[in-house]
C-alpha atoms as a PDB file:
ATOM      1  CA  MET A   1     105.240 -20.580  13.348  1.00  0.00           C
ATOM      2  CA  ALA A   2     101.742 -21.891  14.137  1.00  0.00           C
ATOM      3  CA  ASP A   3     102.072 -21.216  17.874  1.00  0.00           C
ATOM      4  CA  THR A   4     102.818 -17.509  17.464  1.00  0.00           C
ATOM      5  CA  PRO A   5      99.827 -15.310  18.374  1.00  0.00           C
ATOM      6  CA  PRO A   6      98.587 -12.765  15.777  1.00  0.00           C
ATOM      7  CA  PHE A   7      99.780  -9.816  17.841  1.00  0.00           C
ATOM      8  CA  PRO A   8     102.823  -9.247  20.048  1.00  0.00           C
ATOM      9  CA  ASP A   9     102.559  -9.565  23.821  1.00  0.00           C
ATOM     10  CA  PHE A  10      99.240 -11.413  23.626  1.00  0.00           C
ATOM     11  CA  ASP A  11     100.256 -13.587  26.567  1.00  0.00           C
ATOM     12  CA  HIS A  12     100.595 -10.496  28.774  1.00  0.00           C
ATOM     13  CA  ALA A  13      97.760  -8.388  27.334  1.00  0.00           C
ATOM     14  CA  THR A  14      94.886  -7.247  29.532  1.00  0.00           C
ATOM     15  CA  VAL A  15      91.341  -8.348  28.763  1.00  0.00           C
ATOM     16  CA  ASP A  16      90.500  -4.833  27.510  1.00  0.00           C
ATOM     17  CA  THR A  17      93.486  -4.881  25.177  1.00  0.00           C
ATOM     18  CA  VAL A  18      92.480  -8.289  23.823  1.00  0.00           C
ATOM     19  CA  LYS A  19      88.898  -7.028  23.249  1.00  0.00           C
ATOM     20  CA  HIS A  20      90.241  -4.067  21.300  1.00  0.00           C
ATOM     21  CA  ARG A  21      92.874  -5.931  19.321  1.00  0.00           C
ATOM     22  CA  ILE A  22      90.662  -8.812  18.132  1.00  0.00           C
ATOM     23  CA  ARG A  23      88.085  -6.530  16.488  1.00  0.00           C
ATOM     24  CA  SER A  24      90.023  -6.516  13.230  1.00  0.00           C
ATOM     25  CA  LEU A  25      90.853 -10.251  13.178  1.00  0.00           C
ATOM     26  CA  GLU A  26      89.206 -12.859  10.990  1.00  0.00           C
ATOM     27  CA  ARG A  27      87.526 -15.860  12.600  1.00  0.00           C
ATOM     28  CA  ASP A  28      90.474 -18.202  11.970  1.00  0.00           C
ATOM     29  CA  GLU A  29      92.833 -15.744  13.675  1.00  0.00           C
ATOM     30  CA  VAL A  30      90.553 -15.481  16.726  1.00  0.00           C
ATOM     31  CA  GLU A  31      90.357 -19.291  16.820  1.00  0.00           C
ATOM     32  CA  ARG A  32      94.139 -19.438  16.696  1.00  0.00           C
ATOM     33  CA  LEU A  33      94.307 -17.048  19.656  1.00  0.00           C
ATOM     34  CA  LEU A  34      91.792 -19.169  21.559  1.00  0.00           C
ATOM     35  CA  ASP A  35      93.819 -22.322  20.891  1.00  0.00           C
ATOM     36  CA  HIS A  36      96.976 -20.514  22.007  1.00  0.00           C
ATOM     37  CA  GLU A  37      95.310 -19.250  25.180  1.00  0.00           C
ATOM     38  CA  LEU A  38      93.926 -22.685  26.065  1.00  0.00           C
ATOM     39  CA  ALA A  39      97.342 -24.275  25.532  1.00  0.00           C
ATOM     40  CA  HIS A  40      99.305 -21.686  27.510  1.00  0.00           C
ATOM     41  CA  SER A  41      97.770 -19.277  30.015  1.00  0.00           C
ATOM     42  CA  SER A  42      94.123 -20.399  30.200  1.00  0.00           C
ATOM     43  CA  ARG A  43      92.947 -16.993  31.477  1.00  0.00           C
ATOM     44  CA  LEU A  44      89.191 -17.481  31.798  1.00  0.00           C
ATOM     45  CA  PRO A  45      88.229 -13.828  31.076  1.00  0.00           C
ATOM     46  CA  VAL A  46      90.337 -13.873  27.884  1.00  0.00           C
ATOM     47  CA  ILE A  47      88.857 -17.213  26.834  1.00  0.00           C
ATOM     48  CA  GLU A  48      85.345 -15.805  27.328  1.00  0.00           C
ATOM     49  CA  VAL A  49      86.170 -12.713  25.247  1.00  0.00           C
ATOM     50  CA  LEU A  50      87.595 -14.845  22.437  1.00  0.00           C
ATOM     51  CA  ARG A  51      84.614 -17.223  22.443  1.00  0.00           C
ATOM     52  CA  ALA A  52      82.198 -14.280  22.430  1.00  0.00           C
ATOM     53  CA  ARG A  53      83.996 -12.756  19.441  1.00  0.00           C
ATOM     54  CA  ILE A  54      83.868 -16.058  17.561  1.00  0.00           C
ATOM     55  CA  ALA A  55      80.111 -16.197  18.252  1.00  0.00           C
ATOM     56  CA  GLU A  56      79.739 -12.613  16.956  1.00  0.00           C
ATOM     57  CA  LEU A  57      81.631 -13.490  13.774  1.00  0.00           C
ATOM     58  CA  ASP A  58      79.519 -16.634  13.320  1.00  0.00           C
ATOM     59  CA  ALA A  59      76.391 -14.474  13.689  1.00  0.00           C
ATOM     60  CA  GLY A  60      77.495 -12.242  10.828  1.00  0.00           C
ATOM     61  CA  ALA A  61      79.765  -9.618  12.400  1.00  0.00           C
ATOM     62  CA  THR A  62      82.598  -8.471  10.203  1.00  0.00           C
ATOM     63  CA  PRO A  63      86.105  -7.568  11.336  1.00  0.00           C
ATOM     64  CA  SER A  64      86.586  -3.847  11.740  1.00  0.00           C
ATOM     65  CA  GLY A  65      89.031  -1.980   9.613  1.00  0.00           C
ATOM     66  CA  GLY A  66      92.097  -0.255  10.884  1.00  0.00           C
ATOM     67  CA  ASP A  67      95.488  -1.266  12.079  1.00  0.00           C
ATOM     68  CA  GLN A  68      95.279  -2.651  15.590  1.00  0.00           C
ATOM     69  CA  SER A  69      99.050  -3.032  15.885  1.00  0.00           C
ATOM     70  CA  GLN A  70      99.350   0.439  17.420  1.00  0.00           C
ATOM     71  CA  ALA A  71      96.656  -0.146  20.062  1.00  0.00           C
ATOM     72  CA  ARG A  72      97.770   0.908  23.496  1.00  0.00           C
ATOM     73  CA  GLU A  73      96.921  -0.052  27.020  1.00  0.00           C
ATOM     74  CA  GLY A  74      94.604   2.175  29.038  1.00  0.00           C
ATOM     75  CA  GLY A  75      96.215   4.755  31.305  1.00  0.00           C
ATOM     76  CA  THR A  76      94.804   3.409  34.583  1.00  0.00           C
ATOM     77  CA  ALA A  77      93.932   0.107  36.206  1.00  0.00           C
ATOM     78  CA  HIS A  78      90.442   0.354  34.706  1.00  0.00           C
ATOM     79  CA  GLY A  79      91.589   1.335  31.233  1.00  0.00           C
ATOM     80  CA  SER A  80      90.814   5.043  31.441  1.00  0.00           C
ATOM     81  CA  PRO A  81      93.062   7.242  29.300  1.00  0.00           C
ATOM     82  CA  VAL A  82      92.789   9.979  31.938  1.00  0.00           C
ATOM     83  CA  SER A  83      95.986  10.531  33.873  1.00  0.00           C
ATOM     84  CA  PRO A  84      96.161  11.487  37.554  1.00  0.00           C
ATOM     85  CA  ASP A  85      98.729  14.096  36.471  1.00  0.00           C
ATOM     86  CA  GLY A  86      95.846  16.274  35.254  1.00  0.00           C
ATOM     87  CA  ALA A  87      94.090  16.380  38.629  1.00  0.00           C
ATOM     88  CA  ALA A  88      93.642  19.721  40.368  1.00  0.00           C
ATOM     89  CA  GLU A  89      96.059  20.610  43.114  1.00  0.00           C
ATOM     90  CA  PRO A  90      94.552  20.415  46.596  1.00  0.00           C
ATOM     91  CA  GLY A  91      93.705  23.744  48.165  1.00  0.00           C
ATOM     92  CA  PRO A  92      95.248  25.100  51.339  1.00  0.00           C
ATOM     93  CA  PRO A  93      94.031  23.642  54.619  1.00  0.00           C
ATOM     94  CA  ASP A  94      91.229  25.455  56.425  1.00  0.00           C
ATOM     95  CA  ARG A  95      92.290  27.968  59.026  1.00  0.00           C
ATOM     96  CA  HIS A  96      91.324  27.071  62.551  1.00  0.00           C
ATOM     97  CA  GLY A  97      87.702  28.002  63.173  1.00  0.00           C
ATOM     98  CA  LEU A  98      87.035  29.296  59.643  1.00  0.00           C
ATOM     99  CA  ARG A  99      84.781  26.408  58.636  1.00  0.00           C
ATOM    100  CA  GLN A 100      82.564  26.753  61.695  1.00  0.00           C
ATOM    101  CA  MET A 101      82.214  30.502  61.224  1.00  0.00           C
ATOM    102  CA  THR A 102      81.572  30.346  57.475  1.00  0.00           C
ATOM    103  CA  TRP A 103      79.440  27.214  57.068  1.00  0.00           C
ATOM    104  CA  GLY A 104      78.109  26.811  60.590  1.00  0.00           C
ATOM    105  CA  GLY A 105      79.821  23.412  60.840  1.00  0.00           C
END
């Protein structure tokens, strides 16, 4: 079907995911994504990423190798793979008066 995007969940993908996933696509596939985006969601940041990639391909960039089908979303709102689960546990609260005596606070 001509209206099916080249990768699943494109309509719900974050901008960072789209940037990552389009690296391996040929120009015609990126154009197809752009047409799909313009016809459906019209997310301006995604449109800008797709247009920039088309410009890169027109300037001589080549699609990267590798299978992008297993690409995953970042672990946080900003795409970091670091999880808050790995953060250090907070220490015990200061005893009354200890900070003033020790650090002169």
